[in-house]
Structures are given as structure tokens and as C-alpha cells.
């Protein structure tokens, strides 16, 4: 294999998001659960730690290789909530469903996952009560018992 050669950066296609408002999360098992997103951290895409492939035959550099499988990271959101949501949350925790993250431009990222946790923050006078919601992508279709990749649907013009 030849030595690496520089590559010029090409202009990206599409249109970048200009503002995070309004990003929302939908759980198909309860699309109107009683919390209101205040901020949303969409899932990361992570290839995992490198595999060390260094051997006694290396002479100067440690060598590494990329893993084969990719992980879709957790979704986190700070939400305002109605206390009645405890009933809904108990019914949603660990339930496999379709999760949809809707971006400000209307594009969506849909994947299989479940609500892992709903953690209220400390309440204080003069501050709206908030909670942290964590959703875990499973990338697994429990109906058909197969691996299932996330699906991105872009809106026209992006």
C-alpha cells in the first residue's frame, strides 16, 4: 500500500442547522407523554475504541485498526414535566419501541430503543422543575428479531 497522500476538503452537500430550536423526541409507545423537551442531545455515532494490532514486528509506531460494528449512542434530554408523567414513565421504561428525533428543519432520525430513565432534578423556588430523560437505542427489531439500522428522513432542500 502506498503512503497516505493529502486530500482536499470538498464543500459539503446539504444545509447546516442554524438553531437547535425546536428538536423533539417521540416515543411511539406513548407519543404524548407528559414531558416537554427543553434541550435534546441527539445520539452520537461511535465506532468504539481502536483495536491495538501492534506486534513484536513493529519498529517505531504502535498500529491500530478500526472496529467493525458501530454504536448509536444514548439520547439525553432535559424536560419540564407534569407529575402525572410518573404513571406514563413507569409504563414506558424498558419498553422496546420506535424512537423518533425530529430536528428543527423537520428531518427525522428514527430507531428502535427504549426509555432507560427519567430522573427529576432538585426542585427550587423560582425555577421550573426539570428532569433528565435518557433513551437507549437498541438497533434491534424485536418484532422481526433482526438488527435494524436507524433511518434518516431529510426534508426537501436539506
C-alpha atoms as a PDB file:
ATOM      1  CA  UNK A   1       0.000   0.000   0.000  1.00  0.00           C
ATOM      2  CA  UNK A   2       1.310   3.461  -0.866  1.00  0.00           C
ATOM      3  CA  UNK A   3       1.955   6.200   1.692  1.00  0.00           C
ATOM      4  CA  UNK A   4      -1.048   8.392   2.508  1.00  0.00           C
ATOM      5  CA  UNK A   5      -1.477  11.485   0.353  1.00  0.00           C
ATOM      6  CA  UNK A   6      -3.319  14.671   1.329  1.00  0.00           C
ATOM      7  CA  UNK A   7      -6.895  15.080   0.152  1.00  0.00           C
ATOM      8  CA  UNK A   8      -8.535  18.482  -0.324  1.00  0.00           C
ATOM      9  CA  UNK A   9     -11.728  19.176   1.618  1.00  0.00           C
ATOM     10  CA  UNK A  10     -14.749  19.426  -0.684  1.00  0.00           C
ATOM     11  CA  UNK A  11     -17.745  21.616   0.075  1.00  0.00           C
ATOM     12  CA  UNK A  12     -20.353  19.608   2.000  1.00  0.00           C
ATOM     13  CA  UNK A  13     -23.743  18.989   0.463  1.00  0.00           C
ATOM     14  CA  UNK A  14     -26.929  19.885   2.307  1.00  0.00           C
ATOM     15  CA  UNK A  15     -27.723  22.797   4.595  1.00  0.00           C
ATOM     16  CA  UNK A  16     -26.475  23.003   8.217  1.00  0.00           C
ATOM     17  CA  UNK A  17     -28.930  23.504  11.049  1.00  0.00           C
ATOM     18  CA  UNK A  18     -28.875  27.136  12.176  1.00  0.00           C
ATOM     19  CA  UNK A  19     -30.653  26.794  15.512  1.00  0.00           C
ATOM     20  CA  UNK A  20     -31.410  23.856  17.821  1.00  0.00           C
ATOM     21  CA  UNK A  21     -34.968  25.065  18.350  1.00  0.00           C
ATOM     22  CA  UNK A  22     -37.168  23.052  18.126  1.00  0.00           C
ATOM     23  CA  UNK A  23     -35.840  19.499  18.480  1.00  0.00           C
ATOM     24  CA  UNK A  24     -38.299  16.932  19.856  1.00  0.00           C
ATOM     25  CA  UNK A  25     -38.338  13.265  20.857  1.00  0.00           C
ATOM     26  CA  UNK A  26     -41.264  10.950  20.145  1.00  0.00           C
ATOM     27  CA  UNK A  27     -41.721   7.549  21.753  1.00  0.00           C
ATOM     28  CA  UNK A  28     -44.132   5.554  19.571  1.00  0.00           C
ATOM     29  CA  UNK A  29     -45.430   3.669  22.620  1.00  0.00           C
ATOM     30  CA  UNK A  30     -46.726   6.997  24.055  1.00  0.00           C
ATOM     31  CA  UNK A  31     -46.389   9.869  21.608  1.00  0.00           C
ATOM     32  CA  UNK A  32     -47.814  12.454  24.035  1.00  0.00           C
ATOM     33  CA  UNK A  33     -46.026  11.506  27.255  1.00  0.00           C
ATOM     34  CA  UNK A  34     -46.335  14.359  29.768  1.00  0.00           C
ATOM     35  CA  UNK A  35     -42.932  15.991  29.413  1.00  0.00           C
ATOM     36  CA  UNK A  36     -41.735  18.952  27.397  1.00  0.00           C
ATOM     37  CA  UNK A  37     -38.251  18.979  25.875  1.00  0.00           C
ATOM     38  CA  UNK A  38     -36.085  21.940  26.913  1.00  0.00           C
ATOM     39  CA  UNK A  39     -32.892  20.630  25.340  1.00  0.00           C
ATOM     40  CA  UNK A  40     -32.160  17.481  23.371  1.00  0.00           C
ATOM     41  CA  UNK A  41     -28.845  15.761  22.737  1.00  0.00           C
ATOM     42  CA  UNK A  42     -29.331  13.557  19.651  1.00  0.00           C
ATOM     43  CA  UNK A  43     -27.496  10.232  19.576  1.00  0.00           C
ATOM     44  CA  UNK A  44     -23.804  10.025  18.777  1.00  0.00           C
ATOM     45  CA  UNK A  45     -22.443   7.606  16.199  1.00  0.00           C
ATOM     46  CA  UNK A  46     -19.393   5.873  17.675  1.00  0.00           C
ATOM     47  CA  UNK A  47     -17.079   3.281  16.176  1.00  0.00           C
ATOM     48  CA  UNK A  48     -15.667   2.365  19.587  1.00  0.00           C
ATOM     49  CA  UNK A  49     -12.094   2.236  20.806  1.00  0.00           C
ATOM     50  CA  UNK A  50      -9.375   1.257  18.363  1.00  0.00           C
ATOM     51  CA  UNK A  51      -8.095  -2.300  18.365  1.00  0.00           C
ATOM     52  CA  UNK A  52      -4.362  -2.377  19.154  1.00  0.00           C
ATOM     53  CA  UNK A  53      -2.736  -4.531  16.470  1.00  0.00           C
ATOM     54  CA  UNK A  54       0.872  -3.792  17.467  1.00  0.00           C
ATOM     55  CA  UNK A  55       3.169  -6.807  17.340  1.00  0.00           C
ATOM     56  CA  UNK A  56       6.804  -7.505  18.096  1.00  0.00           C
ATOM     57  CA  UNK A  57       7.451  -6.843  14.398  1.00  0.00           C
ATOM     58  CA  UNK A  58       6.591  -3.123  14.694  1.00  0.00           C
ATOM     59  CA  UNK A  59       9.740  -0.991  14.704  1.00  0.00           C
ATOM     60  CA  UNK A  60       8.601   2.550  15.590  1.00  0.00           C
ATOM     61  CA  UNK A  61       4.845   3.005  15.634  1.00  0.00           C
ATOM     62  CA  UNK A  62       2.021   1.378  17.520  1.00  0.00           C
ATOM     63  CA  UNK A  63      -0.571   0.239  14.989  1.00  0.00           C
ATOM     64  CA  UNK A  64      -4.325   0.175  15.359  1.00  0.00           C
ATOM     65  CA  UNK A  65      -7.384  -0.930  13.484  1.00  0.00           C
ATOM     66  CA  UNK A  66     -10.981   0.261  13.481  1.00  0.00           C
ATOM     67  CA  UNK A  67     -13.683  -1.953  14.885  1.00  0.00           C
ATOM     68  CA  UNK A  68     -16.305  -3.401  12.563  1.00  0.00           C
ATOM     69  CA  UNK A  69     -19.503  -2.580  14.467  1.00  0.00           C
ATOM     70  CA  UNK A  70     -20.902   0.905  15.064  1.00  0.00           C
ATOM     71  CA  UNK A  71     -22.833   2.133  18.109  1.00  0.00           C
ATOM     72  CA  UNK A  72     -25.694   4.637  18.168  1.00  0.00           C
ATOM     73  CA  UNK A  73     -25.293   6.487  21.465  1.00  0.00           C
ATOM     74  CA  UNK A  74     -27.895   7.411  24.055  1.00  0.00           C
ATOM     75  CA  UNK A  75     -30.281  10.324  23.596  1.00  0.00           C
ATOM     76  CA  UNK A  76     -30.485  12.701  26.549  1.00  0.00           C
ATOM     77  CA  UNK A  77     -32.947  15.481  27.172  1.00  0.00           C
ATOM     78  CA  UNK A  78     -33.750  17.947  29.906  1.00  0.00           C
ATOM     79  CA  UNK A  79     -37.518  18.199  30.195  1.00  0.00           C
ATOM     80  CA  UNK A  80     -40.197  20.061  32.087  1.00  0.00           C
ATOM     81  CA  UNK A  81     -42.862  17.660  33.313  1.00  0.00           C
ATOM     82  CA  UNK A  82     -46.304  17.145  34.764  1.00  0.00           C
ATOM     83  CA  UNK A  83     -46.097  14.856  37.838  1.00  0.00           C
ATOM     84  CA  UNK A  84     -48.764  12.650  36.235  1.00  0.00           C
ATOM     85  CA  UNK A  85     -45.983  11.505  33.881  1.00  0.00           C
ATOM     86  CA  UNK A  86     -44.781   9.081  36.565  1.00  0.00           C
ATOM     87  CA  UNK A  87     -47.624   6.765  35.519  1.00  0.00           C
ATOM     88  CA  UNK A  88     -46.624   7.083  31.858  1.00  0.00           C
ATOM     89  CA  UNK A  89     -42.910   6.712  32.578  1.00  0.00           C
ATOM     90  CA  UNK A  90     -43.417   3.520  34.590  1.00  0.00           C
ATOM     91  CA  UNK A  91     -45.332   2.126  31.601  1.00  0.00           C
ATOM     92  CA  UNK A  92     -42.538   3.200  29.189  1.00  0.00           C
ATOM     93  CA  UNK A  93     -39.300   2.284  30.996  1.00  0.00           C
ATOM     94  CA  UNK A  94     -37.584  -0.682  29.307  1.00  0.00           C
ATOM     95  CA  UNK A  95     -40.350  -0.964  26.675  1.00  0.00           C
ATOM     96  CA  UNK A  96     -38.951  -1.509  23.185  1.00  0.00           C
ATOM     97  CA  UNK A  97     -40.477   0.987  20.760  1.00  0.00           C
ATOM     98  CA  UNK A  98     -39.657   3.258  17.855  1.00  0.00           C
ATOM     99  CA  UNK A  99     -37.968   6.486  18.918  1.00  0.00           C
ATOM    100  CA  UNK A 100     -38.007   9.494  16.597  1.00  0.00           C
ATOM    101  CA  UNK A 101     -35.820  12.571  16.988  1.00  0.00           C
ATOM    102  CA  UNK A 102     -37.270  15.430  14.937  1.00  0.00           C
ATOM    103  CA  UNK A 103     -34.774  18.140  14.031  1.00  0.00           C
ATOM    104  CA  UNK A 104     -35.607  21.843  13.650  1.00  0.00           C
ATOM    105  CA  UNK A 105     -35.731  21.595   9.841  1.00  0.00           C
ATOM    106  CA  UNK A 106     -38.251  18.722  10.022  1.00  0.00           C
ATOM    107  CA  UNK A 107     -35.741  15.962   9.254  1.00  0.00           C
ATOM    108  CA  UNK A 108     -36.120  12.857  11.408  1.00  0.00           C
ATOM    109  CA  UNK A 109     -33.928  10.118  12.818  1.00  0.00           C
ATOM    110  CA  UNK A 110     -35.964   7.017  13.746  1.00  0.00           C
ATOM    111  CA  UNK A 111     -34.579   3.982  15.542  1.00  0.00           C
ATOM    112  CA  UNK A 112     -35.590   1.170  17.849  1.00  0.00           C
ATOM    113  CA  UNK A 113     -34.888   1.812  21.510  1.00  0.00           C
ATOM    114  CA  UNK A 114     -36.343   2.245  24.975  1.00  0.00           C
ATOM    115  CA  UNK A 115     -36.702   4.813  27.736  1.00  0.00           C
ATOM    116  CA  UNK A 116     -33.961   3.979  30.214  1.00  0.00           C
ATOM    117  CA  UNK A 117     -34.530   6.611  32.862  1.00  0.00           C
ATOM    118  CA  UNK A 118     -36.486   9.654  33.995  1.00  0.00           C
ATOM    119  CA  UNK A 119     -34.560  11.469  36.750  1.00  0.00           C
ATOM    120  CA  UNK A 120     -36.066  14.608  38.305  1.00  0.00           C
ATOM    121  CA  UNK A 121     -33.608  17.330  39.236  1.00  0.00           C
ATOM    122  CA  UNK A 122     -33.796  19.097  42.606  1.00  0.00           C
ATOM    123  CA  UNK A 123     -36.747  21.465  42.885  1.00  0.00           C
ATOM    124  CA  UNK A 124     -36.025  25.046  43.924  1.00  0.00           C
ATOM    125  CA  UNK A 125     -38.073  28.180  44.491  1.00  0.00           C
ATOM    126  CA  UNK A 126     -38.126  30.378  41.408  1.00  0.00           C
ATOM    127  CA  UNK A 127     -37.084  27.612  38.984  1.00  0.00           C
ATOM    128  CA  UNK A 128     -39.176  25.340  36.791  1.00  0.00           C
ATOM    129  CA  UNK A 129     -38.858  21.702  37.893  1.00  0.00           C
ATOM    130  CA  UNK A 130     -36.930  19.678  35.339  1.00  0.00           C
ATOM    131  CA  UNK A 131     -35.927  16.058  34.807  1.00  0.00           C
ATOM    132  CA  UNK A 132     -33.297  14.287  32.728  1.00  0.00           C
ATOM    133  CA  UNK A 133     -34.564  11.668  30.306  1.00  0.00           C
ATOM    134  CA  UNK A 134     -32.227   9.019  28.843  1.00  0.00           C
ATOM    135  CA  UNK A 135     -33.213   6.902  25.834  1.00  0.00           C
ATOM    136  CA  UNK A 136     -31.105   3.938  24.686  1.00  0.00           C
ATOM    137  CA  UNK A 137     -31.033   2.986  21.003  1.00  0.00           C
ATOM    138  CA  UNK A 138     -31.069  -0.812  20.672  1.00  0.00           C
ATOM    139  CA  UNK A 139     -30.712  -1.141  16.888  1.00  0.00           C
ATOM    140  CA  UNK A 140     -32.789  -4.307  17.253  1.00  0.00           C
ATOM    141  CA  UNK A 141     -36.217  -5.038  15.781  1.00  0.00           C
ATOM    142  CA  UNK A 142     -37.982  -7.167  18.392  1.00  0.00           C
ATOM    143  CA  UNK A 143     -40.862  -7.982  16.031  1.00  0.00           C
ATOM    144  CA  UNK A 144     -38.700  -9.500  13.297  1.00  0.00           C
ATOM    145  CA  UNK A 145     -35.745 -10.436  15.550  1.00  0.00           C
ATOM    146  CA  UNK A 146     -33.117  -8.727  13.404  1.00  0.00           C
ATOM    147  CA  UNK A 147     -30.537  -5.946  13.629  1.00  0.00           C
ATOM    148  CA  UNK A 148     -32.093  -2.677  12.458  1.00  0.00           C
ATOM    149  CA  UNK A 149     -30.193   0.452  11.463  1.00  0.00           C
ATOM    150  CA  UNK A 150     -31.506   3.932  12.253  1.00  0.00           C
ATOM    151  CA  UNK A 151     -33.454   5.619   9.456  1.00  0.00           C
ATOM    152  CA  UNK A 152     -32.830   9.242   8.456  1.00  0.00           C
ATOM    153  CA  UNK A 153     -35.506  11.132   6.562  1.00  0.00           C
ATOM    154  CA  UNK A 154     -34.360  14.508   5.278  1.00  0.00           C
ATOM    155  CA  UNK A 155     -36.793  17.228   4.326  1.00  0.00           C
ATOM    156  CA  UNK A 156     -36.731  18.728   0.863  1.00  0.00           C
ATOM    157  CA  UNK A 157     -33.914  21.213   0.385  1.00  0.00           C
ATOM    158  CA  UNK A 158     -31.576  19.849   3.060  1.00  0.00           C
END
